[in-house]
Amino acid sequence: MHGIYHIIRSDLSKMMHHIDGESHRPGRIEVVCGSMFSGKTEELIRRMKRAKFAKQKVEIFKPAIDTRYSDNDVVSHDQNAIPSTPVETSSSILLLSSDIEVVGIDEAQFLDMGLVDVCNELANRGVRVIVAGLDMDFRGVPFGPMPALCAIADDVTKVHAICVRCGNLAYLSHRLVQNDKRVLLGEKMEYEPLCRDCYQQAVKKEASSPTI
């Protein structure tokens, strides 16, 4: 009985030490990137909720143009949600983060290049910055500030969707509708996650098909 009590007390001590340590970690930048449907926003929400559990002051931001699920909340494809503050420009994040310990930023690819300096400044102040976004657009081109954020990040997590055609790890988000605009908000009707090989096959098929 004494042994069981000691194990339980030891486990509780480790858990509390981990939570306490979470609230005393130095400023840093964490990037979660990948294709659509890969769980980027899910992971961002998970980390933000964990920080709130550790009683840290948190704030999550998203581009004002992203109103797919909600005008104000950050919502994952699985409908998990967390309140957020929509912003038009990255500079607004600095103005609204004066007393925040953990800053989350979703769909970062839609924000301006100034986001790189904003994240650096926040991290240098001792703020933990968690950024989620697409690393590439539908053509496979690095998207917005994401490549630079990956370069300066203390930690980069690349998450993967599953290719809907073969079941391998997806490489990027293939656009299903005819539209050349780089920014086109959409979901499963407009995009599908494909591996590199299936994407190349899809592009070749589209190139050989007559346009209507």
Protein backbone atom coordinates (compact mmCIF):
# COMPACT_ATOMS: atom_id res chain seq x y z
CA MET A 1 0.00 0.00 0.00
CA HIS A 2 2.82 2.33 0.87
CA GLY A 3 4.45 1.54 -2.48
CA ILE A 4 1.28 2.41 -4.42
CA TYR A 5 0.97 5.72 -2.52
CA HIS A 6 4.57 6.55 -3.34
CA ILE A 7 4.00 5.86 -7.07
CA ILE A 8 0.85 8.02 -7.15
CA ARG A 9 2.58 10.87 -5.30
CA SER A 10 5.57 10.61 -7.64
CA ASP A 11 3.34 10.72 -10.75
CA LEU A 12 1.44 13.75 -9.43
CA SER A 13 4.71 15.48 -8.64
CA LYS A 14 5.99 14.89 -12.18
CA MET A 15 2.73 16.18 -13.68
CA MET A 16 2.75 19.36 -11.60
CA HIS A 17 6.41 19.93 -12.37
CA HIS A 18 5.64 19.61 -16.09
CA ILE A 19 2.75 22.09 -15.87
CA ASP A 20 4.81 24.51 -13.79
CA GLY A 21 7.70 24.19 -16.22
CA GLU A 22 5.34 24.98 -19.11
CA SER A 23 4.62 28.38 -17.54
CA HIS A 24 8.30 29.26 -17.13
CA ARG A 25 9.67 28.36 -20.55
CA PRO A 26 11.48 31.18 -22.40
CA GLY A 27 10.20 33.00 -25.46
CA ARG A 28 10.27 30.96 -28.63
CA ILE A 29 8.58 30.41 -31.99
CA GLU A 30 6.84 27.14 -32.82
CA VAL A 31 5.55 26.50 -36.34
CA VAL A 32 3.00 23.84 -37.27
CA CYS A 33 2.77 23.49 -41.04
CA GLY A 34 1.45 21.13 -43.71
CA SER A 35 -1.27 20.77 -46.30
CA MET A 36 -4.98 21.25 -45.77
CA PHE A 37 -6.74 18.58 -43.69
CA SER A 38 -3.48 17.67 -41.95
CA GLY A 39 -4.48 18.76 -38.44
CA LYS A 40 -2.57 22.06 -38.19
CA THR A 41 -5.38 23.96 -36.50
CA GLU A 42 -6.16 20.96 -34.27
CA GLU A 43 -2.58 21.02 -33.01
CA LEU A 44 -2.64 24.79 -32.52
CA ILE A 45 -5.86 24.54 -30.48
CA ARG A 46 -4.41 21.68 -28.43
CA ARG A 47 -1.29 23.66 -27.52
CA MET A 48 -3.27 26.79 -26.71
CA LYS A 49 -5.69 24.89 -24.46
CA ARG A 50 -2.74 23.27 -22.71
CA ALA A 51 -1.24 26.72 -22.06
CA LYS A 52 -4.58 27.93 -20.64
CA PHE A 53 -4.64 24.89 -18.36
CA ALA A 54 -1.22 26.00 -17.10
CA LYS A 55 -2.91 29.33 -16.20
CA GLN A 56 -0.99 31.33 -18.77
CA LYS A 57 -2.38 34.43 -20.46
CA VAL A 58 -3.12 33.38 -24.02
CA GLU A 59 -4.50 35.05 -27.14
CA ILE A 60 -5.06 33.56 -30.56
CA PHE A 61 -5.25 35.55 -33.78
CA LYS A 62 -6.41 34.75 -37.29
CA PRO A 63 -6.60 36.68 -40.58
CA ALA A 64 -9.84 38.61 -40.84
CA ILE A 65 -10.45 37.18 -44.33
CA ASP A 66 -10.83 33.64 -42.96
CA THR A 67 -14.56 33.41 -42.22
CA ARG A 68 -15.14 29.84 -43.43
CA TYR A 69 -16.49 28.46 -40.15
CA SER A 70 -16.77 31.54 -37.95
CA ASP A 71 -16.11 35.27 -38.07
CA ASN A 72 -14.34 35.23 -34.72
CA ASP A 73 -13.42 31.71 -33.62
CA VAL A 74 -10.56 29.59 -34.88
CA VAL A 75 -12.28 26.36 -35.96
CA SER A 76 -10.64 23.15 -37.16
CA HIS A 77 -12.03 20.89 -39.90
CA ASP A 78 -13.24 18.61 -37.09
CA GLN A 79 -15.22 21.55 -35.63
CA ASN A 80 -13.03 22.04 -32.56
CA ALA A 81 -13.04 25.75 -31.78
CA ILE A 82 -11.34 28.37 -29.66
CA PRO A 83 -12.13 32.11 -29.42
CA SER A 84 -9.83 34.31 -31.48
CA THR A 85 -9.20 37.89 -32.54
CA PRO A 86 -9.39 38.55 -36.30
CA VAL A 87 -6.69 40.92 -37.60
CA GLU A 88 -6.18 42.66 -40.93
CA THR A 89 -2.40 43.04 -40.59
CA SER A 90 0.37 41.43 -38.57
CA SER A 91 1.19 44.72 -36.84
CA SER A 92 -2.15 44.50 -35.02
CA ILE A 93 -0.89 41.39 -33.23
CA LEU A 94 1.85 43.40 -31.51
CA LEU A 95 -0.63 46.03 -30.37
CA LEU A 96 -2.95 43.41 -28.90
CA SER A 97 -0.32 41.24 -27.20
CA SER A 98 1.17 43.59 -24.63
CA ASP A 99 0.43 41.40 -21.59
CA ILE A 100 0.10 37.99 -23.25
CA GLU A 101 2.36 35.04 -22.45
CA VAL A 102 1.34 32.71 -25.30
CA VAL A 103 0.30 33.97 -28.73
CA GLY A 104 -1.32 31.67 -31.27
CA ILE A 105 -1.66 32.55 -34.95
CA ASP A 106 -3.76 30.45 -37.33
CA GLU A 107 -3.72 30.48 -41.16
CA ALA A 108 -0.52 32.51 -41.05
CA GLN A 109 0.02 32.15 -44.81
CA PHE A 110 -2.73 34.74 -45.36
CA LEU A 111 -0.96 37.43 -43.33
CA ASP A 112 1.67 39.86 -44.60
CA MET A 113 5.44 39.35 -44.52
CA GLY A 114 5.69 41.64 -41.50
CA LEU A 115 4.53 38.66 -39.46
CA VAL A 116 8.11 37.37 -39.41
CA ASP A 117 9.38 40.44 -37.55
CA VAL A 118 6.31 40.43 -35.31
CA CYS A 119 6.93 36.84 -34.22
CA ASN A 120 10.62 37.53 -33.65
CA GLU A 121 9.86 40.58 -31.52
CA LEU A 122 7.32 38.69 -29.43
CA ALA A 123 9.70 35.78 -28.87
CA ASN A 124 12.49 38.18 -27.90
CA ARG A 125 10.14 39.65 -25.28
CA GLY A 126 9.75 36.19 -23.76
CA VAL A 127 6.45 35.31 -25.43
CA ARG A 128 5.76 31.80 -26.68
CA VAL A 129 4.49 32.13 -30.26
CA ILE A 130 2.67 29.22 -31.91
CA VAL A 131 2.03 29.63 -35.63
CA ALA A 132 -0.03 27.34 -37.86
CA GLY A 133 -0.37 27.59 -41.61
CA LEU A 134 -0.02 26.10 -45.06
CA ASP A 135 3.62 25.77 -46.07
CA MET A 136 2.74 25.63 -49.80
CA ASP A 137 -0.05 26.87 -52.04
CA PHE A 138 -2.03 24.70 -54.48
CA ARG A 139 0.82 24.86 -57.01
CA GLY A 140 3.43 23.68 -54.52
CA VAL A 141 4.98 27.14 -54.10
CA PRO A 142 6.05 28.24 -50.57
CA PHE A 143 3.20 30.34 -49.21
CA GLY A 144 3.46 33.89 -47.80
CA PRO A 145 5.54 34.31 -44.63
CA MET A 146 5.53 30.58 -43.81
CA PRO A 147 8.97 29.71 -45.28
CA ALA A 148 10.66 32.53 -43.37
CA LEU A 149 8.80 31.57 -40.19
CA CYS A 150 10.02 27.99 -40.55
CA ALA A 151 13.57 29.32 -40.92
CA ILE A 152 13.53 31.40 -37.71
CA ALA A 153 11.42 29.02 -35.62
CA ASP A 154 12.84 27.27 -32.57
CA ASP A 155 10.70 24.26 -33.44
CA VAL A 156 8.93 23.19 -36.65
CA THR A 157 6.30 20.45 -36.74
CA LYS A 158 5.26 19.25 -40.19
CA VAL A 159 1.94 17.44 -40.10
CA HIS A 160 0.50 15.39 -42.94
CA ALA A 161 -2.92 14.65 -44.30
CA ILE A 162 -3.56 11.38 -46.11
CA CYS A 163 -3.63 11.33 -49.90
CA VAL A 164 -7.25 10.71 -50.88
CA ARG A 165 -6.22 8.76 -53.98
CA CYS A 166 -3.62 6.29 -52.73
CA GLY A 167 -3.48 6.53 -48.94
CA ASN A 168 0.13 7.71 -48.68
CA LEU A 169 1.16 10.85 -46.80
CA ALA A 170 -0.12 13.94 -48.58
CA TYR A 171 2.31 16.46 -50.06
CA LEU A 172 0.07 19.45 -50.76
CA SER A 173 -3.48 20.67 -51.29
CA HIS A 174 -4.65 20.10 -54.86
CA ARG A 175 -7.26 22.57 -56.08
CA LEU A 176 -10.32 20.94 -57.66
CA VAL A 177 -11.90 24.06 -59.16
CA GLN A 178 -10.67 26.18 -62.04
CA ASN A 179 -9.43 29.34 -60.41
CA ASP A 180 -5.91 30.78 -60.64
CA LYS A 181 -6.22 33.11 -57.65
CA ARG A 182 -3.62 32.19 -55.08
CA VAL A 183 -5.95 32.85 -52.16
CA LEU A 184 -9.19 30.95 -52.53
CA LEU A 185 -10.87 29.96 -49.29
CA GLY A 186 -12.38 26.54 -49.51
CA GLU A 187 -12.93 23.09 -48.09
CA LYS A 188 -13.37 19.56 -49.43
CA MET A 189 -15.34 20.75 -52.46
CA GLU A 190 -12.44 22.95 -53.56
CA TYR A 191 -9.34 21.06 -52.36
CA GLU A 192 -8.05 17.55 -51.81
CA PRO A 193 -4.82 16.41 -50.15
CA LEU A 194 -2.55 14.51 -52.54
CA CYS A 195 0.86 12.86 -52.31
CA ARG A 196 3.57 14.06 -54.68
CA ASP A 197 3.00 11.28 -57.21
CA CYS A 198 -0.78 11.63 -57.33
CA TYR A 199 -0.42 15.39 -57.57
CA GLN A 200 1.88 15.09 -60.61
CA GLN A 201 -0.60 12.73 -62.24
CA ALA A 202 -3.48 15.12 -61.56
CA VAL A 203 -1.57 18.08 -63.01
CA LYS A 204 -0.70 16.12 -66.18
CA LYS A 205 -4.31 15.03 -66.60
CA GLU A 206 -5.56 18.60 -66.20
CA ALA A 207 -2.98 19.89 -68.67
CA SER A 208 -4.12 17.39 -71.29
CA SER A 209 -7.83 17.99 -70.75
CA PRO A 210 -9.57 20.69 -72.81
CA THR A 211 -10.76 23.67 -70.82
CA ILE A 212 -14.40 24.60 -71.03
